[in-house]
Amino acid sequence: MPIVRMYSTLICPYCMRAEGLLNKKGVQVEKILVKNEQEMINMAEITGRRTVPQIFIGERHVGGFDDLVELDMAGELDPLLAP
């Protein structure tokens, strides 16, 4: 199974929902906490976005929670998570 990384904050409800969905699929999420403006800038340079969560499956940036759910509903998430 590929490594799943997620940029997150401690109080983000969408981060919690994304982690919940991934946990239901048996995935442990490696969280990268965004705690200040500089870390937000660093995340934005990598992802092109300034909102959390930002989720990577392996090296692929899949986007935020809505993008993750869209992949799941389209049947494309499970193949990405397969070993």
PDB file of N, CA and C in Angstrom:
ATOM      1  N   MET A   1       0.853  -1.178   0.000  1.00  0.00           N
ATOM      2  CA  MET A   1       0.000   0.000   0.000  1.00  0.00           C
ATOM      3  C   MET A   1       0.897   1.238   0.000  1.00  0.00           C
ATOM      4  N   PRO A   2       0.588   2.213  -0.853  1.00  0.00           N
ATOM      5  CA  PRO A   2       1.418   3.420  -0.893  1.00  0.00           C
ATOM      6  C   PRO A   2       1.268   4.248   0.384  1.00  0.00           C
ATOM      7  N   ILE A   3       2.263   5.063   0.645  1.00  0.00           N
ATOM      8  CA  ILE A   3       2.208   5.987   1.779  1.00  0.00           C
ATOM      9  C   ILE A   3       1.206   7.084   1.456  1.00  0.00           C
ATOM     10  N   VAL A   4       0.341   7.389   2.418  1.00  0.00           N
ATOM     11  CA  VAL A   4      -0.623   8.476   2.255  1.00  0.00           C
ATOM     12  C   VAL A   4      -0.226   9.581   3.225  1.00  0.00           C
ATOM     13  N   ARG A   5       0.069  10.762   2.674  1.00  0.00           N
ATOM     14  CA  ARG A   5       0.438  11.924   3.471  1.00  0.00           C
ATOM     15  C   ARG A   5      -0.669  12.963   3.344  1.00  0.00           C
ATOM     16  N   MET A   6      -0.915  13.668   4.440  1.00  0.00           N
ATOM     17  CA  MET A   6      -1.969  14.674   4.418  1.00  0.00           C
ATOM     18  C   MET A   6      -1.516  15.905   5.201  1.00  0.00           C
ATOM     19  N   TYR A   7      -1.493  17.046   4.514  1.00  0.00           N
ATOM     20  CA  TYR A   7      -1.292  18.316   5.203  1.00  0.00           C
ATOM     21  C   TYR A   7      -2.580  18.622   5.940  1.00  0.00           C
ATOM     22  N   SER A   8      -2.451  19.004   7.204  1.00  0.00           N
ATOM     23  CA  SER A   8      -3.610  19.132   8.065  1.00  0.00           C
ATOM     24  C   SER A   8      -3.363  20.185   9.140  1.00  0.00           C
ATOM     25  N   THR A   9      -4.449  20.582   9.803  1.00  0.00           N
ATOM     26  CA  THR A   9      -4.353  21.355  11.034  1.00  0.00           C
ATOM     27  C   THR A   9      -5.068  20.558  12.117  1.00  0.00           C
ATOM     28  N   LEU A  10      -4.900  20.970  13.357  1.00  0.00           N
ATOM     29  CA  LEU A  10      -5.503  20.222  14.465  1.00  0.00           C
ATOM     30  C   LEU A  10      -7.016  20.371  14.545  1.00  0.00           C
ATOM     31  N   ILE A  11      -7.574  21.442  13.980  1.00  0.00           N
ATOM     32  CA  ILE A  11      -9.007  21.708  14.159  1.00  0.00           C
ATOM     33  C   ILE A  11      -9.807  21.665  12.858  1.00  0.00           C
ATOM     34  N   CYS A  12      -9.249  21.091  11.824  1.00  0.00           N
ATOM     35  CA  CYS A  12      -9.899  21.082  10.509  1.00  0.00           C
ATOM     36  C   CYS A  12     -10.891  19.916  10.396  1.00  0.00           C
ATOM     37  N   PRO A  13     -12.195  20.212  10.296  1.00  0.00           N
ATOM     38  CA  PRO A  13     -13.174  19.121  10.185  1.00  0.00           C
ATOM     39  C   PRO A  13     -13.031  18.320   8.894  1.00  0.00           C
ATOM     40  N   TYR A  14     -12.630  18.962   7.803  1.00  0.00           N
ATOM     41  CA  TYR A  14     -12.455  18.234   6.548  1.00  0.00           C
ATOM     42  C   TYR A  14     -11.245  17.302   6.619  1.00  0.00           C
ATOM     43  N   CYS A  15     -10.231  17.699   7.381  1.00  0.00           N
ATOM     44  CA  CYS A  15      -9.071  16.824   7.589  1.00  0.00           C
ATOM     45  C   CYS A  15      -9.494  15.578   8.352  1.00  0.00           C
ATOM     46  N   MET A  16     -10.321  15.785   9.372  1.00  0.00           N
ATOM     47  CA  MET A  16     -10.800  14.648  10.164  1.00  0.00           C
ATOM     48  C   MET A  16     -11.655  13.710   9.321  1.00  0.00           C
ATOM     49  N   ARG A  17     -12.475  14.273   8.455  1.00  0.00           N
ATOM     50  CA  ARG A  17     -13.329  13.446   7.593  1.00  0.00           C
ATOM     51  C   ARG A  17     -12.490  12.676   6.578  1.00  0.00           C
ATOM     52  N   ALA A  18     -11.474  13.338   6.013  1.00  0.00           N
ATOM     53  CA  ALA A  18     -10.596  12.667   5.047  1.00  0.00           C
ATOM     54  C   ALA A  18      -9.851  11.519   5.719  1.00  0.00           C
ATOM     55  N   GLU A  19      -9.331  11.775   6.913  1.00  0.00           N
ATOM     56  CA  GLU A  19      -8.621  10.728   7.643  1.00  0.00           C
ATOM     57  C   GLU A  19      -9.566   9.574   7.982  1.00  0.00           C
ATOM     58  N   GLY A  20     -10.815   9.898   8.349  1.00  0.00           N
ATOM     59  CA  GLY A  20     -11.797   8.862   8.640  1.00  0.00           C
ATOM     60  C   GLY A  20     -12.080   7.977   7.435  1.00  0.00           C
ATOM     61  N   LEU A  21     -12.255   8.594   6.268  1.00  0.00           N
ATOM     62  CA  LEU A  21     -12.504   7.832   5.049  1.00  0.00           C
ATOM     63  C   LEU A  21     -11.318   6.919   4.736  1.00  0.00           C
ATOM     64  N   LEU A  22     -10.120   7.460   4.846  1.00  0.00           N
ATOM     65  CA  LEU A  22      -8.930   6.660   4.553  1.00  0.00           C
ATOM     66  C   LEU A  22      -8.750   5.542   5.583  1.00  0.00           C
ATOM     67  N   ASN A  23      -9.032   5.834   6.855  1.00  0.00           N
ATOM     68  CA  ASN A  23      -8.932   4.797   7.886  1.00  0.00           C
ATOM     69  C   ASN A  23      -9.922   3.673   7.623  1.00  0.00           C
ATOM     70  N   LYS A  24     -11.144   3.999   7.143  1.00  0.00           N
ATOM     71  CA  LYS A  24     -12.132   2.964   6.807  1.00  0.00           C
ATOM     72  C   LYS A  24     -11.612   2.030   5.725  1.00  0.00           C
ATOM     73  N   LYS A  25     -10.731   2.556   4.898  1.00  0.00           N
ATOM     74  CA  LYS A  25     -10.158   1.750   3.820  1.00  0.00           C
ATOM     75  C   LYS A  25      -8.888   1.037   4.270  1.00  0.00           C
ATOM     76  N   GLY A  26      -8.585   1.129   5.575  1.00  0.00           N
ATOM     77  CA  GLY A  26      -7.426   0.436   6.118  1.00  0.00           C
ATOM     78  C   GLY A  26      -6.115   1.173   5.951  1.00  0.00           C
ATOM     79  N   VAL A  27      -6.190   2.461   5.691  1.00  0.00           N
ATOM     80  CA  VAL A  27      -5.000   3.264   5.431  1.00  0.00           C
ATOM     81  C   VAL A  27      -4.637   4.076   6.669  1.00  0.00           C
ATOM     82  N   GLN A  28      -3.375   4.019   7.040  1.00  0.00           N
ATOM     83  CA  GLN A  28      -2.854   4.898   8.072  1.00  0.00           C
ATOM     84  C   GLN A  28      -2.326   6.157   7.378  1.00  0.00           C
ATOM     85  N   VAL A  29      -2.705   7.290   7.894  1.00  0.00           N
ATOM     86  CA  VAL A  29      -2.347   8.565   7.271  1.00  0.00           C
ATOM     87  C   VAL A  29      -1.172   9.192   8.009  1.00  0.00           C
ATOM     88  N   GLU A  30      -0.163   9.583   7.247  1.00  0.00           N
ATOM     89  CA  GLU A  30       0.965  10.331   7.801  1.00  0.00           C
ATOM     90  C   GLU A  30       0.593  11.807   7.723  1.00  0.00           C
ATOM     91  N   LYS A  31       0.336  12.416   8.880  1.00  0.00           N
ATOM     92  CA  LYS A  31      -0.109  13.810   8.903  1.00  0.00           C
ATOM     93  C   LYS A  31       1.075  14.758   8.991  1.00  0.00           C
ATOM     94  N   ILE A  32       0.981  15.815   8.214  1.00  0.00           N
ATOM     95  CA  ILE A  32       1.945  16.904   8.257  1.00  0.00           C
ATOM     96  C   ILE A  32       1.169  18.115   8.760  1.00  0.00           C
ATOM     97  N   LEU A  33       1.402  18.481  10.020  1.00  0.00           N
ATOM     98  CA  LEU A  33       0.639  19.570  10.610  1.00  0.00           C
ATOM     99  C   LEU A  33       1.139  20.924  10.116  1.00  0.00           C
ATOM    100  N   VAL A  34       0.206  21.741   9.683  1.00  0.00           N
ATOM    101  CA  VAL A  34       0.485  23.099   9.241  1.00  0.00           C
ATOM    102  C   VAL A  34       0.132  24.003  10.420  1.00  0.00           C
ATOM    103  N   LYS A  35       1.171  24.553  11.071  1.00  0.00           N
ATOM    104  CA  LYS A  35       0.951  25.281  12.320  1.00  0.00           C
ATOM    105  C   LYS A  35       1.146  26.785  12.213  1.00  0.00           C
ATOM    106  N   ASN A  36       1.715  27.249  11.110  1.00  0.00           N
ATOM    107  CA  ASN A  36       1.944  28.689  10.998  1.00  0.00           C
ATOM    108  C   ASN A  36       1.959  29.112   9.531  1.00  0.00           C
ATOM    109  N   GLU A  37       2.067  30.391   9.313  1.00  0.00           N
ATOM    110  CA  GLU A  37       1.990  30.946   7.955  1.00  0.00           C
ATOM    111  C   GLU A  37       3.109  30.424   7.062  1.00  0.00           C
ATOM    112  N   GLN A  38       4.319  30.278   7.595  1.00  0.00           N
ATOM    113  CA  GLN A  38       5.426  29.788   6.779  1.00  0.00           C
ATOM    114  C   GLN A  38       5.180  28.361   6.317  1.00  0.00           C
ATOM    115  N   GLU A  39       4.632  27.525   7.189  1.00  0.00           N
ATOM    116  CA  GLU A  39       4.310  26.152   6.791  1.00  0.00           C
ATOM    117  C   GLU A  39       3.190  26.135   5.758  1.00  0.00           C
ATOM    118  N   MET A  40       2.243  27.082   5.862  1.00  0.00           N
ATOM    119  CA  MET A  40       1.179  27.203   4.856  1.00  0.00           C
ATOM    120  C   MET A  40       1.777  27.596   3.507  1.00  0.00           C
ATOM    121  N   ILE A  41       2.725  28.510   3.521  1.00  0.00           N
ATOM    122  CA  ILE A  41       3.400  28.923   2.283  1.00  0.00           C
ATOM    123  C   ILE A  41       4.149  27.751   1.673  1.00  0.00           C
ATOM    124  N   ASN A  42       4.847  26.977   2.512  1.00  0.00           N
ATOM    125  CA  ASN A  42       5.574  25.800   2.013  1.00  0.00           C
ATOM    126  C   ASN A  42       4.620  24.800   1.379  1.00  0.00           C
ATOM    127  N   MET A  43       3.479  24.554   2.031  1.00  0.00           N
ATOM    128  CA  MET A  43       2.483  23.633   1.488  1.00  0.00           C
ATOM    129  C   MET A  43       1.953  24.148   0.153  1.00  0.00           C
ATOM    130  N   ALA A  44       1.670  25.446   0.083  1.00  0.00           N
ATOM    131  CA  ALA A  44       1.136  26.037  -1.143  1.00  0.00           C
ATOM    132  C   ALA A  44       2.138  25.933  -2.296  1.00  0.00           C
ATOM    133  N   GLU A  45       3.412  26.041  -1.994  1.00  0.00           N
ATOM    134  CA  GLU A  45       4.433  25.895  -3.040  1.00  0.00           C
ATOM    135  C   GLU A  45       4.441  24.472  -3.599  1.00  0.00           C
ATOM    136  N   ILE A  46       4.170  23.502  -2.750  1.00  0.00           N
ATOM    137  CA  ILE A  46       4.179  22.092  -3.168  1.00  0.00           C
ATOM    138  C   ILE A  46       2.878  21.715  -3.876  1.00  0.00           C
ATOM    139  N   THR A  47       1.745  22.185  -3.344  1.00  0.00           N
ATOM    140  CA  THR A  47       0.445  21.732  -3.840  1.00  0.00           C
ATOM    141  C   THR A  47      -0.256  22.713  -4.771  1.00  0.00           C
ATOM    142  N   GLY A  48       0.128  23.986  -4.686  1.00  0.00           N
ATOM    143  CA  GLY A  48      -0.577  25.004  -5.464  1.00  0.00           C
ATOM    144  C   GLY A  48      -1.859  25.461  -4.786  1.00  0.00           C
ATOM    145  N   ARG A  49      -2.090  25.006  -3.552  1.00  0.00           N
ATOM    146  CA  ARG A  49      -3.311  25.353  -2.814  1.00  0.00           C
ATOM    147  C   ARG A  49      -2.952  25.802  -1.402  1.00  0.00           C
ATOM    148  N   ARG A  50      -3.837  26.629  -0.823  1.00  0.00           N
ATOM    149  CA  ARG A  50      -3.607  27.145   0.526  1.00  0.00           C
ATOM    150  C   ARG A  50      -4.649  26.648   1.526  1.00  0.00           C
ATOM    151  N   THR A  51      -5.361  25.590   1.203  1.00  0.00           N
ATOM    152  CA  THR A  51      -6.362  25.046   2.103  1.00  0.00           C
ATOM    153  C   THR A  51      -5.971  23.629   2.516  1.00  0.00           C
ATOM    154  N   VAL A  52      -6.428  23.247   3.696  1.00  0.00           N
ATOM    155  CA  VAL A  52      -6.210  21.876   4.160  1.00  0.00           C
ATOM    156  C   VAL A  52      -7.542  21.159   4.186  1.00  0.00           C
ATOM    157  N   PRO A  53      -7.549  19.863   4.009  1.00  0.00           N
ATOM    158  CA  PRO A  53      -6.390  19.003   3.827  1.00  0.00           C
ATOM    159  C   PRO A  53      -5.876  19.049   2.387  1.00  0.00           C
ATOM    160  N   GLN A  54      -4.629  18.696   2.238  1.00  0.00           N
ATOM    161  CA  GLN A  54      -4.031  18.403   0.943  1.00  0.00           C
ATOM    162  C   GLN A  54      -3.453  17.011   1.070  1.00  0.00           C
ATOM    163  N   ILE A  55      -3.887  16.128   0.190  1.00  0.00           N
ATOM    164  CA  ILE A  55      -3.621  14.699   0.353  1.00  0.00           C
ATOM    165  C   ILE A  55      -2.767  14.185  -0.801  1.00  0.00           C
ATOM    166  N   PHE A  56      -1.768  13.387  -0.436  1.00  0.00           N
ATOM    167  CA  PHE A  56      -0.914  12.708  -1.406  1.00  0.00           C
ATOM    168  C   PHE A  56      -1.053  11.215  -1.195  1.00  0.00           C
ATOM    169  N   ILE A  57      -1.226  10.493  -2.276  1.00  0.00           N
ATOM    170  CA  ILE A  57      -1.174   9.031  -2.251  1.00  0.00           C
ATOM    171  C   ILE A  57       0.069   8.658  -3.039  1.00  0.00           C
ATOM    172  N   GLY A  58       1.053   8.146  -2.328  1.00  0.00           N
ATOM    173  CA  GLY A  58       2.362   7.986  -2.950  1.00  0.00           C
ATOM    174  C   GLY A  58       2.868   9.366  -3.318  1.00  0.00           C
ATOM    175  N   GLU A  59       3.282   9.537  -4.538  1.00  0.00           N
ATOM    176  CA  GLU A  59       3.756  10.841  -5.003  1.00  0.00           C
ATOM    177  C   GLU A  59       2.659  11.654  -5.679  1.00  0.00           C
ATOM    178  N   ARG A  60       1.476  11.075  -5.818  1.00  0.00           N
ATOM    179  CA  ARG A  60       0.375  11.750  -6.515  1.00  0.00           C
ATOM    180  C   ARG A  60      -0.409  12.657  -5.568  1.00  0.00           C
ATOM    181  N   HIS A  61      -0.515  13.910  -5.930  1.00  0.00           N
ATOM    182  CA  HIS A  61      -1.335  14.860  -5.180  1.00  0.00           C
ATOM    183  C   HIS A  61      -2.773  14.685  -5.655  1.00  0.00           C
ATOM    184  N   VAL A  62      -3.648  14.237  -4.740  1.00  0.00           N
ATOM    185  CA  VAL A  62      -5.045  14.020  -5.130  1.00  0.00           C
ATOM    186  C   VAL A  62      -5.926  15.203  -4.776  1.00  0.00           C
ATOM    187  N   GLY A  63      -5.413  16.144  -3.981  1.00  0.00           N
ATOM    188  CA  GLY A  63      -6.184  17.335  -3.647  1.00  0.00           C
ATOM    189  C   GLY A  63      -6.720  17.296  -2.233  1.00  0.00           C
ATOM    190  N   GLY A  64      -7.900  17.880  -2.039  1.00  0.00           N
ATOM    191  CA  GLY A  64      -8.502  17.996  -0.721  1.00  0.00           C
ATOM    192  C   GLY A  64      -9.568  16.939  -0.476  1.00  0.00           C
ATOM    193  N   PHE A  65     -10.371  17.175   0.546  1.00  0.00           N
ATOM    194  CA  PHE A  65     -11.398  16.204   0.931  1.00  0.00           C
ATOM    195  C   PHE A  65     -12.397  15.968  -0.196  1.00  0.00           C
ATOM    196  N   ASP A  66     -12.904  17.043  -0.805  1.00  0.00           N
ATOM    197  CA  ASP A  66     -13.879  16.876  -1.890  1.00  0.00           C
ATOM    198  C   ASP A  66     -13.293  16.064  -3.041  1.00  0.00           C
ATOM    199  N   ASP A  67     -12.030  16.303  -3.355  1.00  0.00           N
ATOM    200  CA  ASP A  67     -11.370  15.551  -4.424  1.00  0.00           C
ATOM    201  C   ASP A  67     -11.247  14.075  -4.051  1.00  0.00           C
ATOM    202  N   LEU A  68     -10.939  13.815  -2.779  1.00  0.00           N
ATOM    203  CA  LEU A  68     -10.821  12.444  -2.300  1.00  0.00           C
ATOM    204  C   LEU A  68     -12.151  11.706  -2.410  1.00  0.00           C
ATOM    205  N   VAL A  69     -13.226  12.362  -1.993  1.00  0.00           N
ATOM    206  CA  VAL A  69     -14.559  11.755  -2.074  1.00  0.00           C
ATOM    207  C   VAL A  69     -14.945  11.526  -3.536  1.00  0.00           C
ATOM    208  N   GLU A  70     -14.630  12.474  -4.389  1.00  0.00           N
ATOM    209  CA  GLU A  70     -14.942  12.330  -5.811  1.00  0.00           C
ATOM    210  C   GLU A  70     -14.225  11.105  -6.390  1.00  0.00           C
ATOM    211  N   LEU A  71     -12.960  10.928  -6.036  1.00  0.00           N
ATOM    212  CA  LEU A  71     -12.223   9.739  -6.484  1.00  0.00           C
ATOM    213  C   LEU A  71     -12.886   8.461  -5.981  1.00  0.00           C
ATOM    214  N   ASP A  72     -13.309   8.473  -4.726  1.00  0.00           N
ATOM    215  CA  ASP A  72     -13.943   7.297  -4.143  1.00  0.00           C
ATOM    216  C   ASP A  72     -15.256   6.983  -4.847  1.00  0.00           C
ATOM    217  N   MET A  73     -16.077   7.994  -5.080  1.00  0.00           N
ATOM    218  CA  MET A  73     -17.377   7.786  -5.738  1.00  0.00           C
ATOM    219  C   MET A  73     -17.214   7.314  -7.176  1.00  0.00           C
ATOM    220  N   ALA A  74     -16.111   7.702  -7.816  1.00  0.00           N
ATOM    221  CA  ALA A  74     -15.849   7.284  -9.189  1.00  0.00           C
ATOM    222  C   ALA A  74     -15.190   5.897  -9.258  1.00  0.00           C
ATOM    223  N   GLY A  75     -14.918   5.314  -8.080  1.00  0.00           N
ATOM    224  CA  GLY A  75     -14.277   3.991  -8.058  1.00  0.00           C
ATOM    225  C   GLY A  75     -12.791   4.042  -8.342  1.00  0.00           C
ATOM    226  N   GLU A  76     -12.195   5.231  -8.237  1.00  0.00           N
ATOM    227  CA  GLU A  76     -10.776   5.388  -8.563  1.00  0.00           C
ATOM    228  C   GLU A  76      -9.873   5.418  -7.338  1.00  0.00           C
ATOM    229  N   LEU A  77     -10.434   5.519  -6.137  1.00  0.00           N
ATOM    230  CA  LEU A  77      -9.613   5.617  -4.939  1.00  0.00           C
ATOM    231  C   LEU A  77      -8.999   4.272  -4.564  1.00  0.00           C
ATOM    232  N   ASP A  78      -9.811   3.223  -4.546  1.00  0.00           N
ATOM    233  CA  ASP A  78      -9.292   1.904  -4.139  1.00  0.00           C
ATOM    234  C   ASP A  78      -8.115   1.453  -4.996  1.00  0.00           C
ATOM    235  N   PRO A  79      -8.137   1.606  -6.321  1.00  0.00           N
ATOM    236  CA  PRO A  79      -6.954   1.223  -7.106  1.00  0.00           C
ATOM    237  C   PRO A  79      -5.707   2.036  -6.742  1.00  0.00           C
ATOM    238  N   LEU A  80      -5.897   3.311  -6.375  1.00  0.00           N
ATOM    239  CA  LEU A  80      -4.754   4.127  -5.978  1.00  0.00           C
ATOM    240  C   LEU A  80      -4.150   3.636  -4.655  1.00  0.00           C
ATOM    241  N   LEU A  81      -4.998   3.085  -3.795  1.00  0.00           N
ATOM    242  CA  LEU A  81      -4.546   2.626  -2.494  1.00  0.00           C
ATOM    243  C   LEU A  81      -4.031   1.187  -2.510  1.00  0.00           C
ATOM    244  N   ALA A  82      -4.255   0.488  -3.613  1.00  0.00           N
ATOM    245  CA  ALA A  82      -3.836  -0.916  -3.710  1.00  0.00           C
ATOM    246  C   ALA A  82      -2.306  -1.023  -3.688  1.00  0.00           C
ATOM    247  N   PRO A  83      -1.819  -2.108  -3.090  1.00  0.00           N
ATOM    248  CA  PRO A  83      -0.345  -2.313  -3.028  1.00  0.00           C
ATOM    249  C   PRO A  83       0.273  -2.507  -4.395  1.00  0.00           C
TER     250      PRO A  83
END
